[in-house]
Amino acid sequence: DAVKGRFTISRDNGKRTVLLRMNSLKPEDTAVYYCAASRDSGVITI
């Protein structure tokens, strides 16, 4: 909920890349950001 409407996640399977586009950044967005993979879980479970 904290990022809905400001961040966009996408992937390019041909380039094996995941992107996170972050707009309207706020000081509370300050953090270390980690990419992660799950073989067995869908997005809601994650």
All heavy atoms as atom14 arrays in JSON, in Angstrom:
{
  "sequence": "DAVKGRFTISRDNGKRTVLLRMNSLKPEDTAVYYCAASRDSGVITI",
  "atom14_mask": [
    [1, 1, 1, 1, 1, 1, 1, 1, 0, 0, 0, 0, 0, 0],
    [1, 1, 1, 1, 1, 0, 0, 0, 0, 0, 0, 0, 0, 0],
    [1, 1, 1, 1, 1, 1, 1, 0, 0, 0, 0, 0, 0, 0],
    [1, 1, 1, 1, 1, 1, 1, 1, 1, 0, 0, 0, 0, 0],
    [1, 1, 1, 1, 0, 0, 0, 0, 0, 0, 0, 0, 0, 0],
    [1, 1, 1, 1, 1, 1, 1, 1, 1, 1, 1, 0, 0, 0],
    [1, 1, 1, 1, 1, 1, 1, 1, 1, 1, 1, 0, 0, 0],
    [1, 1, 1, 1, 1, 1, 1, 0, 0, 0, 0, 0, 0, 0],
    [1, 1, 1, 1, 1, 1, 1, 1, 0, 0, 0, 0, 0, 0],
    [1, 1, 1, 1, 1, 1, 0, 0, 0, 0, 0, 0, 0, 0],
    [1, 1, 1, 1, 1, 1, 1, 1, 1, 1, 1, 0, 0, 0],
    [1, 1, 1, 1, 1, 1, 1, 1, 0, 0, 0, 0, 0, 0],
    [1, 1, 1, 1, 1, 1, 1, 1, 0, 0, 0, 0, 0, 0],
    [1, 1, 1, 1, 0, 0, 0, 0, 0, 0, 0, 0, 0, 0],
    [1, 1, 1, 1, 1, 1, 1, 1, 1, 0, 0, 0, 0, 0],
    [1, 1, 1, 1, 1, 1, 1, 1, 1, 1, 1, 0, 0, 0],
    [1, 1, 1, 1, 1, 1, 1, 0, 0, 0, 0, 0, 0, 0],
    [1, 1, 1, 1, 1, 1, 1, 0, 0, 0, 0, 0, 0, 0],
    [1, 1, 1, 1, 1, 1, 1, 1, 0, 0, 0, 0, 0, 0],
    [1, 1, 1, 1, 1, 1, 1, 1, 0, 0, 0, 0, 0, 0],
    [1, 1, 1, 1, 1, 1, 1, 1, 1, 1, 1, 0, 0, 0],
    [1, 1, 1, 1, 1, 1, 1, 1, 0, 0, 0, 0, 0, 0],
    [1, 1, 1, 1, 1, 1, 1, 1, 0, 0, 0, 0, 0, 0],
    [1, 1, 1, 1, 1, 1, 0, 0, 0, 0, 0, 0, 0, 0],
    [1, 1, 1, 1, 1, 1, 1, 1, 0, 0, 0, 0, 0, 0],
    [1, 1, 1, 1, 1, 1, 1, 1, 1, 0, 0, 0, 0, 0],
    [1, 1, 1, 1, 1, 1, 1, 0, 0, 0, 0, 0, 0, 0],
    [1, 1, 1, 1, 1, 1, 1, 1, 1, 0, 0, 0, 0, 0],
    [1, 1, 1, 1, 1, 1, 1, 1, 0, 0, 0, 0, 0, 0],
    [1, 1, 1, 1, 1, 1, 1, 0, 0, 0, 0, 0, 0, 0],
    [1, 1, 1, 1, 1, 0, 0, 0, 0, 0, 0, 0, 0, 0],
    [1, 1, 1, 1, 1, 1, 1, 0, 0, 0, 0, 0, 0, 0],
    [1, 1, 1, 1, 1, 1, 1, 1, 1, 1, 1, 1, 0, 0],
    [1, 1, 1, 1, 1, 1, 1, 1, 1, 1, 1, 1, 0, 0],
    [1, 1, 1, 1, 1, 1, 0, 0, 0, 0, 0, 0, 0, 0],
    [1, 1, 1, 1, 1, 0, 0, 0, 0, 0, 0, 0, 0, 0],
    [1, 1, 1, 1, 1, 0, 0, 0, 0, 0, 0, 0, 0, 0],
    [1, 1, 1, 1, 1, 1, 0, 0, 0, 0, 0, 0, 0, 0],
    [1, 1, 1, 1, 1, 1, 1, 1, 1, 1, 1, 0, 0, 0],
    [1, 1, 1, 1, 1, 1, 1, 1, 0, 0, 0, 0, 0, 0],
    [1, 1, 1, 1, 1, 1, 0, 0, 0, 0, 0, 0, 0, 0],
    [1, 1, 1, 1, 0, 0, 0, 0, 0, 0, 0, 0, 0, 0],
    [1, 1, 1, 1, 1, 1, 1, 0, 0, 0, 0, 0, 0, 0],
    [1, 1, 1, 1, 1, 1, 1, 1, 0, 0, 0, 0, 0, 0],
    [1, 1, 1, 1, 1, 1, 1, 0, 0, 0, 0, 0, 0, 0],
    [1, 1, 1, 1, 1, 1, 1, 1, 0, 0, 0, 0, 0, 0]
  ],
  "atom14_positions": [
    [[0.82, -1.21, 0.0], [0.0, 0.0, 0.0], [0.86, 1.27, 0.0], [0.49, 2.27, -0.61], [-0.92, 0.0, 1.22], [-2.05, -1.01, 1.11], [-2.32, -1.48, -0.02], [-2.66, -1.34, 2.13], [0.0, 0.0, 0.0], [0.0, 0.0, 0.0], [0.0, 0.0, 0.0], [0.0, 0.0, 0.0], [0.0, 0.0, 0.0], [0.0, 0.0, 0.0]],
    [[2.0, 1.21, 0.66], [2.85, 2.4, 0.79], [3.43, 2.88, -0.54], [3.82, 4.05, -0.64], [3.98, 2.11, 1.77], [0.0, 0.0, 0.0], [0.0, 0.0, 0.0], [0.0, 0.0, 0.0], [0.0, 0.0, 0.0], [0.0, 0.0, 0.0], [0.0, 0.0, 0.0], [0.0, 0.0, 0.0], [0.0, 0.0, 0.0], [0.0, 0.0, 0.0]],
    [[3.48, 2.01, -1.53], [4.09, 2.39, -2.81], [3.11, 2.34, -3.97], [3.46, 2.73, -5.09], [5.31, 1.49, -3.13], [6.29, 1.5, -1.96], [4.89, 0.07, -3.47], [0.0, 0.0, 0.0], [0.0, 0.0, 0.0], [0.0, 0.0, 0.0], [0.0, 0.0, 0.0], [0.0, 0.0, 0.0], [0.0, 0.0, 0.0], [0.0, 0.0, 0.0]],
    [[1.91, 1.87, -3.72], [0.92, 1.72, -4.79], [0.66, 3.07, -5.45], [0.44, 4.07, -4.78], [-0.37, 1.14, -4.2], [-1.29, 0.5, -5.2], [-2.44, -0.2, -4.49], [-1.96, -1.35, -3.64], [-3.07, -2.07, -2.97], [0.0, 0.0, 0.0], [0.0, 0.0, 0.0], [0.0, 0.0, 0.0], [0.0, 0.0, 0.0], [0.0, 0.0, 0.0]],
    [[0.69, 3.08, -6.78], [0.47, 4.31, -7.52], [1.74, 5.1, -7.78], [1.74, 6.01, -8.62], [0.0, 0.0, 0.0], [0.0, 0.0, 0.0], [0.0, 0.0, 0.0], [0.0, 0.0, 0.0], [0.0, 0.0, 0.0], [0.0, 0.0, 0.0], [0.0, 0.0, 0.0], [0.0, 0.0, 0.0], [0.0, 0.0, 0.0], [0.0, 0.0, 0.0]],
    [[2.83, 4.77, -7.08], [4.1, 5.49, -7.28], [5.18, 4.59, -7.88], [6.02, 5.06, -8.64], [4.61, 6.04, -5.94], [3.69, 7.03, -5.28], [4.36, 7.67, -4.07], [4.68, 6.71, -3.03], [5.91, 6.51, -2.55], [6.93, 7.21, -3.01], [6.11, 5.61, -1.59], [0.0, 0.0, 0.0], [0.0, 0.0, 0.0], [0.0, 0.0, 0.0]],
    [[5.16, 3.31, -7.53], [6.16, 2.36, -8.01], [5.55, 1.42, -9.04], [4.37, 1.08, -8.95], [6.71, 1.52, -6.86], [7.56, 2.25, -5.86], [7.65, 3.64, -5.83], [8.3, 1.54, -4.92], [8.44, 4.3, -4.91], [9.09, 2.18, -3.99], [9.15, 3.56, -3.98], [0.0, 0.0, 0.0], [0.0, 0.0, 0.0], [0.0, 0.0, 0.0]],
    [[6.38, 1.0, -9.99], [5.94, 0.03, -10.99], [7.0, -1.05, -11.14], [8.17, -0.75, -11.4], [5.72, 0.71, -12.36], [4.75, 1.75, -12.23], [5.22, -0.31, -13.38], [0.0, 0.0, 0.0], [0.0, 0.0, 0.0], [0.0, 0.0, 0.0], [0.0, 0.0, 0.0], [0.0, 0.0, 0.0], [0.0, 0.0, 0.0], [0.0, 0.0, 0.0]],
    [[6.58, -2.31, -10.99], [7.48, -3.44, -11.19], [7.2, -4.05, -12.55], [6.05, -4.12, -13.0], [7.32, -4.49, -10.07], [8.41, -5.56, -10.18], [5.92, -5.1, -10.06], [8.44, -6.52, -8.99], [0.0, 0.0, 0.0], [0.0, 0.0, 0.0], [0.0, 0.0, 0.0], [0.0, 0.0, 0.0], [0.0, 0.0, 0.0], [0.0, 0.0, 0.0]],
    [[8.26, -4.47, -13.24], [8.1, -5.13, -14.53], [9.27, -6.1, -14.73], [10.25, -6.06, -13.99], [8.06, -4.1, -15.66], [9.28, -3.37, -15.72], [0.0, 0.0, 0.0], [0.0, 0.0, 0.0], [0.0, 0.0, 0.0], [0.0, 0.0, 0.0], [0.0, 0.0, 0.0], [0.0, 0.0, 0.0], [0.0, 0.0, 0.0], [0.0, 0.0, 0.0]],
    [[9.13, -6.96, -15.71], [10.22, -7.88, -16.02], [10.35, -8.05, -17.52], [9.36, -7.95, -18.26], [10.01, -9.23, -15.34], [8.82, -10.0, -15.81], [8.55, -11.2, -14.91], [9.58, -12.23, -15.02], [9.74, -13.22, -14.14], [8.93, -13.28, -13.08], [10.68, -14.12, -14.31], [0.0, 0.0, 0.0], [0.0, 0.0, 0.0], [0.0, 0.0, 0.0]],
    [[11.57, -8.31, -17.95], [11.87, -8.62, -19.35], [12.49, -10.01, -19.36], [13.67, -10.17, -19.03], [12.83, -7.58, -19.92], [13.11, -7.78, -21.4], [13.04, -8.94, -21.88], [13.42, -6.78, -22.07], [0.0, 0.0, 0.0], [0.0, 0.0, 0.0], [0.0, 0.0, 0.0], [0.0, 0.0, 0.0], [0.0, 0.0, 0.0], [0.0, 0.0, 0.0]],
    [[11.7, -11.01, -19.71], [12.19, -12.38, -19.63], [13.3, -12.66, -20.63], [14.17, -13.5, -20.38], [11.03, -13.35, -19.82], [10.13, -13.39, -18.6], [10.53, -13.01, -17.49], [8.89, -13.81, -18.79], [0.0, 0.0, 0.0], [0.0, 0.0, 0.0], [0.0, 0.0, 0.0], [0.0, 0.0, 0.0], [0.0, 0.0, 0.0], [0.0, 0.0, 0.0]],
    [[13.28, -11.97, -21.76], [14.35, -12.15, -22.72], [15.69, -11.66, -22.21], [16.75, -12.22, -22.51], [0.0, 0.0, 0.0], [0.0, 0.0, 0.0], [0.0, 0.0, 0.0], [0.0, 0.0, 0.0], [0.0, 0.0, 0.0], [0.0, 0.0, 0.0], [0.0, 0.0, 0.0], [0.0, 0.0, 0.0], [0.0, 0.0, 0.0], [0.0, 0.0, 0.0]],
    [[15.67, -10.61, -21.4], [16.89, -10.04, -20.83], [17.14, -10.51, -19.4], [18.11, -10.09, -18.77], [16.82, -8.52, -20.87], [16.77, -7.94, -22.27], [16.74, -6.42, -22.23], [16.72, -5.84, -23.65], [16.65, -4.36, -23.65], [0.0, 0.0, 0.0], [0.0, 0.0, 0.0], [0.0, 0.0, 0.0], [0.0, 0.0, 0.0], [0.0, 0.0, 0.0]],
    [[16.24, -11.36, -18.89], [16.39, -11.88, -17.53], [16.55, -10.75, -16.52], [17.42, -10.77, -15.64], [17.57, -12.84, -17.44], [17.46, -14.05, -18.37], [18.7, -14.9, -18.34], [18.89, -15.51, -17.03], [18.5, -16.73, -16.7], [17.88, -17.49, -17.58], [18.73, -17.22, -15.5], [0.0, 0.0, 0.0], [0.0, 0.0, 0.0], [0.0, 0.0, 0.0]],
    [[15.69, -9.75, -16.64], [15.81, -8.53, -15.83], [14.48, -8.19, -15.19], [13.42, -8.33, -15.81], [16.29, -7.37, -16.71], [17.56, -7.69, -17.27], [16.41, -6.09, -15.9], [0.0, 0.0, 0.0], [0.0, 0.0, 0.0], [0.0, 0.0, 0.0], [0.0, 0.0, 0.0], [0.0, 0.0, 0.0], [0.0, 0.0, 0.0], [0.0, 0.0, 0.0]],
    [[14.56, -7.71, -13.96], [13.4, -7.17, -13.24], [13.68, -5.7, -12.95], [14.78, -5.35, -12.52], [13.15, -7.92, -11.93], [11.9, -7.38, -11.23], [13.03, -9.4, -12.17], [0.0, 0.0, 0.0], [0.0, 0.0, 0.0], [0.0, 0.0, 0.0], [0.0, 0.0, 0.0], [0.0, 0.0, 0.0], [0.0, 0.0, 0.0], [0.0, 0.0, 0.0]],
    [[12.69, -4.86, -13.19], [12.84, -3.43, -12.97], [11.87, -2.95, -11.9], [10.78, -3.49, -11.76], [12.57, -2.66, -14.26], [13.46, -3.0, -15.46], [12.99, -2.23, -16.69], [14.91, -2.71, -15.16], [0.0, 0.0, 0.0], [0.0, 0.0, 0.0], [0.0, 0.0, 0.0], [0.0, 0.0, 0.0], [0.0, 0.0, 0.0], [0.0, 0.0, 0.0]],
    [[12.29, -1.91, -11.18], [11.39, -1.23, -10.25], [11.51, 0.26, -10.54], [12.53, 0.88, -10.25], [11.75, -1.51, -8.8], [10.78, -0.9, -7.78], [9.41, -1.59, -7.87], [11.32, -0.99, -6.36], [0.0, 0.0, 0.0], [0.0, 0.0, 0.0], [0.0, 0.0, 0.0], [0.0, 0.0, 0.0], [0.0, 0.0, 0.0], [0.0, 0.0, 0.0]],
    [[10.48, 0.8, -11.13], [10.43, 2.23, -11.42], [9.78, 2.92, -10.24], [8.66, 2.6, -9.86], [9.61, 2.48, -12.69], [9.46, 3.95, -13.04], [10.77, 4.56, -13.49], [10.62, 5.97, -13.86], [11.63, 6.74, -14.25], [12.85, 6.24, -14.35], [11.42, 8.0, -14.57], [0.0, 0.0, 0.0], [0.0, 0.0, 0.0], [0.0, 0.0, 0.0]],
    [[10.49, 3.88, -9.66], [10.01, 4.56, -8.45], [9.84, 6.04, -8.76], [10.81, 6.73, -9.1], [11.01, 4.37, -7.31], [11.32, 2.91, -7.02], [12.4, 2.67, -5.61], [13.92, 3.37, -6.22], [0.0, 0.0, 0.0], [0.0, 0.0, 0.0], [0.0, 0.0, 0.0], [0.0, 0.0, 0.0], [0.0, 0.0, 0.0], [0.0, 0.0, 0.0]],
    [[8.6, 6.51, -8.67], [8.29, 7.92, -8.9], [7.85, 8.58, -7.6], [7.48, 7.91, -6.64], [7.17, 8.06, -9.93], [7.57, 7.56, -11.3], [8.74, 7.65, -11.7], [6.62, 7.02, -12.04], [0.0, 0.0, 0.0], [0.0, 0.0, 0.0], [0.0, 0.0, 0.0], [0.0, 0.0, 0.0], [0.0, 0.0, 0.0], [0.0, 0.0, 0.0]],
    [[7.88, 9.9, -7.58], [7.42, 10.68, -6.42], [8.03, 10.16, -5.13], [7.32, 9.93, -4.14], [5.89, 10.65, -6.35], [5.32, 11.14, -7.54], [0.0, 0.0, 0.0], [0.0, 0.0, 0.0], [0.0, 0.0, 0.0], [0.0, 0.0, 0.0], [0.0, 0.0, 0.0], [0.0, 0.0, 0.0], [0.0, 0.0, 0.0], [0.0, 0.0, 0.0]],
    [[9.32, 9.98, -5.14], [10.0, 9.4, -3.98], [9.86, 10.29, -2.75], [9.85, 11.53, -2.84], [11.46, 9.14, -4.29], [11.7, 7.88, -5.14], [13.06, 7.91, -5.8], [11.55, 6.64, -4.28], [0.0, 0.0, 0.0], [0.0, 0.0, 0.0], [0.0, 0.0, 0.0], [0.0, 0.0, 0.0], [0.0, 0.0, 0.0], [0.0, 0.0, 0.0]],
    [[9.76, 9.63, -1.59], [9.62, 10.31, -0.31], [10.78, 9.93, 0.6], [11.37, 8.86, 0.43], [8.31, 9.87, 0.35], [7.07, 10.07, -0.49], [5.84, 9.5, 0.21], [4.59, 9.67, -0.64], [3.39, 9.1, 0.04], [0.0, 0.0, 0.0], [0.0, 0.0, 0.0], [0.0, 0.0, 0.0], [0.0, 0.0, 0.0], [0.0, 0.0, 0.0]],
    [[11.09, 10.76, 1.58], [12.17, 10.39, 2.52], [11.94, 9.02, 3.18], [12.9, 8.3, 3.44], [12.14, 11.52, 3.54], [11.63, 12.69, 2.76], [10.62, 12.13, 1.81], [0.0, 0.0, 0.0], [0.0, 0.0, 0.0], [0.0, 0.0, 0.0], [0.0, 0.0, 0.0], [0.0, 0.0, 0.0], [0.0, 0.0, 0.0], [0.0, 0.0, 0.0]],
    [[10.7, 8.67, 3.42], [10.4, 7.37, 4.04], [10.64, 6.19, 3.11], [10.55, 5.03, 3.53], [8.96, 7.34, 4.58], [7.91, 7.76, 3.59], [7.51, 9.21, 3.74], [8.41, 10.08, 3.91], [6.29, 9.49, 3.7], [0.0, 0.0, 0.0], [0.0, 0.0, 0.0], [0.0, 0.0, 0.0], [0.0, 0.0, 0.0], [0.0, 0.0, 0.0]],
    [[10.95, 6.44, 1.85], [11.34, 5.38, 0.93], [12.82, 5.01, 1.07], [13.29, 4.06, 0.44], [11.07, 5.79, -0.53], [9.59, 5.94, -0.83], [8.8, 5.1, -0.36], [9.24, 6.9, -1.54], [0.0, 0.0, 0.0], [0.0, 0.0, 0.0], [0.0, 0.0, 0.0], [0.0, 0.0, 0.0], [0.0, 0.0, 0.0], [0.0, 0.0, 0.0]],
    [[13.55, 5.78, 1.86], [14.97, 5.51, 2.08], [15.17, 4.13, 2.69], [14.58, 3.81, 3.72], [15.59, 6.58, 3.0], [15.55, 7.85, 2.33], [17.02, 6.24, 3.35], [0.0, 0.0, 0.0], [0.0, 0.0, 0.0], [0.0, 0.0, 0.0], [0.0, 0.0, 0.0], [0.0, 0.0, 0.0], [0.0, 0.0, 0.0], [0.0, 0.0, 0.0]],
    [[15.97, 3.29, 2.02], [16.19, 1.92, 2.47], [17.19, 1.24, 1.53], [17.52, 1.77, 0.47], [14.88, 1.13, 2.46], [0.0, 0.0, 0.0], [0.0, 0.0, 0.0], [0.0, 0.0, 0.0], [0.0, 0.0, 0.0], [0.0, 0.0, 0.0], [0.0, 0.0, 0.0], [0.0, 0.0, 0.0], [0.0, 0.0, 0.0], [0.0, 0.0, 0.0]],
    [[17.64, 0.07, 1.95], [18.34, -0.82, 1.03], [17.26, -1.65, 0.33], [16.42, -2.26, 1.0], [19.33, -1.73, 1.76], [19.97, -2.71, 0.77], [20.39, -0.9, 2.47], [0.0, 0.0, 0.0], [0.0, 0.0, 0.0], [0.0, 0.0, 0.0], [0.0, 0.0, 0.0], [0.0, 0.0, 0.0], [0.0, 0.0, 0.0], [0.0, 0.0, 0.0]],
    [[17.3, -1.67, -0.97], [16.31, -2.39, -1.77], [16.92, -3.7, -2.27], [18.02, -3.7, -2.83], [15.84, -1.53, -2.94], [14.85, -0.48, -2.53], [15.27, 0.64, -1.78], [13.5, -0.58, -2.82], [14.37, 1.6, -1.36], [12.59, 0.39, -2.41], [13.03, 1.46, -1.69], [12.12, 2.42, -1.27], [0.0, 0.0, 0.0], [0.0, 0.0, 0.0]],
    [[16.16, -4.78, -2.08], [16.62, -6.11, -2.44], [15.71, -6.73, -3.49], [14.48, -6.68, -3.37], [16.62, -7.03, -1.22], [17.57, -6.62, -0.12], [17.16, -5.79, 0.91], [18.89, -7.09, -0.11], [18.02, -5.42, 1.93], [19.76, -6.73, 0.9], [19.32, -5.89, 1.91], [20.19, -5.53, 2.92], [0.0, 0.0, 0.0], [0.0, 0.0, 0.0]],
    [[16.31, -7.34, -4.47], [15.61, -8.16, -5.44], [15.56, -9.59, -4.91], [16.54, -10.07, -4.3], [16.37, -8.09, -6.76], [15.65, -9.04, -8.12], [0.0, 0.0, 0.0], [0.0, 0.0, 0.0], [0.0, 0.0, 0.0], [0.0, 0.0, 0.0], [0.0, 0.0, 0.0], [0.0, 0.0, 0.0], [0.0, 0.0, 0.0], [0.0, 0.0, 0.0]],
    [[14.46, -10.29, -5.13], [14.31, -11.64, -4.6], [13.5, -12.5, -5.57], [12.69, -11.97, -6.34], [13.64, -11.61, -3.24], [0.0, 0.0, 0.0], [0.0, 0.0, 0.0], [0.0, 0.0, 0.0], [0.0, 0.0, 0.0], [0.0, 0.0, 0.0], [0.0, 0.0, 0.0], [0.0, 0.0, 0.0], [0.0, 0.0, 0.0], [0.0, 0.0, 0.0]],
    [[13.73, -13.81, -5.49], [13.07, -14.76, -6.39], [12.39, -15.85, -5.59], [12.94, -16.33, -4.59], [14.09, -15.36, -7.34], [0.0, 0.0, 0.0], [0.0, 0.0, 0.0], [0.0, 0.0, 0.0], [0.0, 0.0, 0.0], [0.0, 0.0, 0.0], [0.0, 0.0, 0.0], [0.0, 0.0, 0.0], [0.0, 0.0, 0.0], [0.0, 0.0, 0.0]],
    [[11.2, -16.26, -6.06], [10.49, -17.38, -5.44], [10.05, -18.34, -6.52], [9.39, -17.93, -7.49], [9.28, -16.89, -4.66], [8.53, -17.99, -4.17], [0.0, 0.0, 0.0], [0.0, 0.0, 0.0], [0.0, 0.0, 0.0], [0.0, 0.0, 0.0], [0.0, 0.0, 0.0], [0.0, 0.0, 0.0], [0.0, 0.0, 0.0], [0.0, 0.0, 0.0]],
    [[10.36, -19.63, -6.34], [10.03, -20.62, -7.36], [8.61, -21.13, -7.21], [7.98, -21.53, -8.18], [11.01, -21.78, -7.29], [10.87, -22.74, -8.44], [12.19, -23.36, -8.81], [12.05, -24.11, -10.03], [12.19, -25.42, -10.11], [12.49, -26.11, -9.03], [12.05, -26.03, -11.26], [0.0, 0.0, 0.0], [0.0, 0.0, 0.0], [0.0, 0.0, 0.0]],
    [[8.09, -21.12, -6.0], [6.81, -21.8, -5.76], [5.65, -20.89, -5.4], [4.52, -21.37, -5.28], [7.0, -22.82, -4.62], [7.99, -23.9, -4.98], [8.0, -24.32, -6.15], [8.78, -24.31, -4.11], [0.0, 0.0, 0.0], [0.0, 0.0, 0.0], [0.0, 0.0, 0.0], [0.0, 0.0, 0.0], [0.0, 0.0, 0.0], [0.0, 0.0, 0.0]],
    [[5.89, -19.61, -5.21], [4.83, -18.74, -4.72], [4.4, -17.72, -5.75], [5.23, -17.19, -6.5], [5.3, -18.0, -3.47], [5.57, -18.91, -2.43], [0.0, 0.0, 0.0], [0.0, 0.0, 0.0], [0.0, 0.0, 0.0], [0.0, 0.0, 0.0], [0.0, 0.0, 0.0], [0.0, 0.0, 0.0], [0.0, 0.0, 0.0], [0.0, 0.0, 0.0]],
    [[3.11, -17.43, -5.76], [2.59, -16.36, -6.6], [2.73, -15.02, -5.91], [3.19, -14.92, -4.77], [0.0, 0.0, 0.0], [0.0, 0.0, 0.0], [0.0, 0.0, 0.0], [0.0, 0.0, 0.0], [0.0, 0.0, 0.0], [0.0, 0.0, 0.0], [0.0, 0.0, 0.0], [0.0, 0.0, 0.0], [0.0, 0.0, 0.0], [0.0, 0.0, 0.0]],
    [[2.31, -13.97, -6.58], [2.59, -12.62, -6.08], [1.84, -12.32, -4.79], [2.37, -11.64, -3.89], [2.27, -11.56, -7.16], [3.18, -11.73, -8.37], [0.8, -11.62, -7.58], [0.0, 0.0, 0.0], [0.0, 0.0, 0.0], [0.0, 0.0, 0.0], [0.0, 0.0, 0.0], [0.0, 0.0, 0.0], [0.0, 0.0, 0.0], [0.0, 0.0, 0.0]],
    [[0.63, -12.81, -4.65], [-0.13, -12.53, -3.43], [0.48, -13.27, -2.24], [0.59, -12.72, -1.14], [-1.61, -12.87, -3.62], [-2.21, -11.94, -4.68], [-2.36, -12.75, -2.31], [-3.66, -12.22, -5.0], [0.0, 0.0, 0.0], [0.0, 0.0, 0.0], [0.0, 0.0, 0.0], [0.0, 0.0, 0.0], [0.0, 0.0, 0.0], [0.0, 0.0, 0.0]],
    [[0.88, -14.51, -2.45], [1.54, -15.26, -1.38], [2.83, -14.57, -0.97], [3.14, -14.47, 0.23], [1.83, -16.7, -1.82], [0.6, -17.33, -2.17], [2.51, -17.49, -0.73], [0.0, 0.0, 0.0], [0.0, 0.0, 0.0], [0.0, 0.0, 0.0], [0.0, 0.0, 0.0], [0.0, 0.0, 0.0], [0.0, 0.0, 0.0], [0.0, 0.0, 0.0]],
    [[3.59, -14.1, -1.92], [4.82, -13.38, -1.61], [4.51, -12.16, -0.74], [5.19, -11.89, 0.25], [5.55, -12.95, -2.9], [6.12, -14.17, -3.61], [6.66, -11.95, -2.58], [6.66, -13.88, -4.99], [0.0, 0.0, 0.0], [0.0, 0.0, 0.0], [0.0, 0.0, 0.0], [0.0, 0.0, 0.0], [0.0, 0.0, 0.0], [0.0, 0.0, 0.0]]
  ]
}
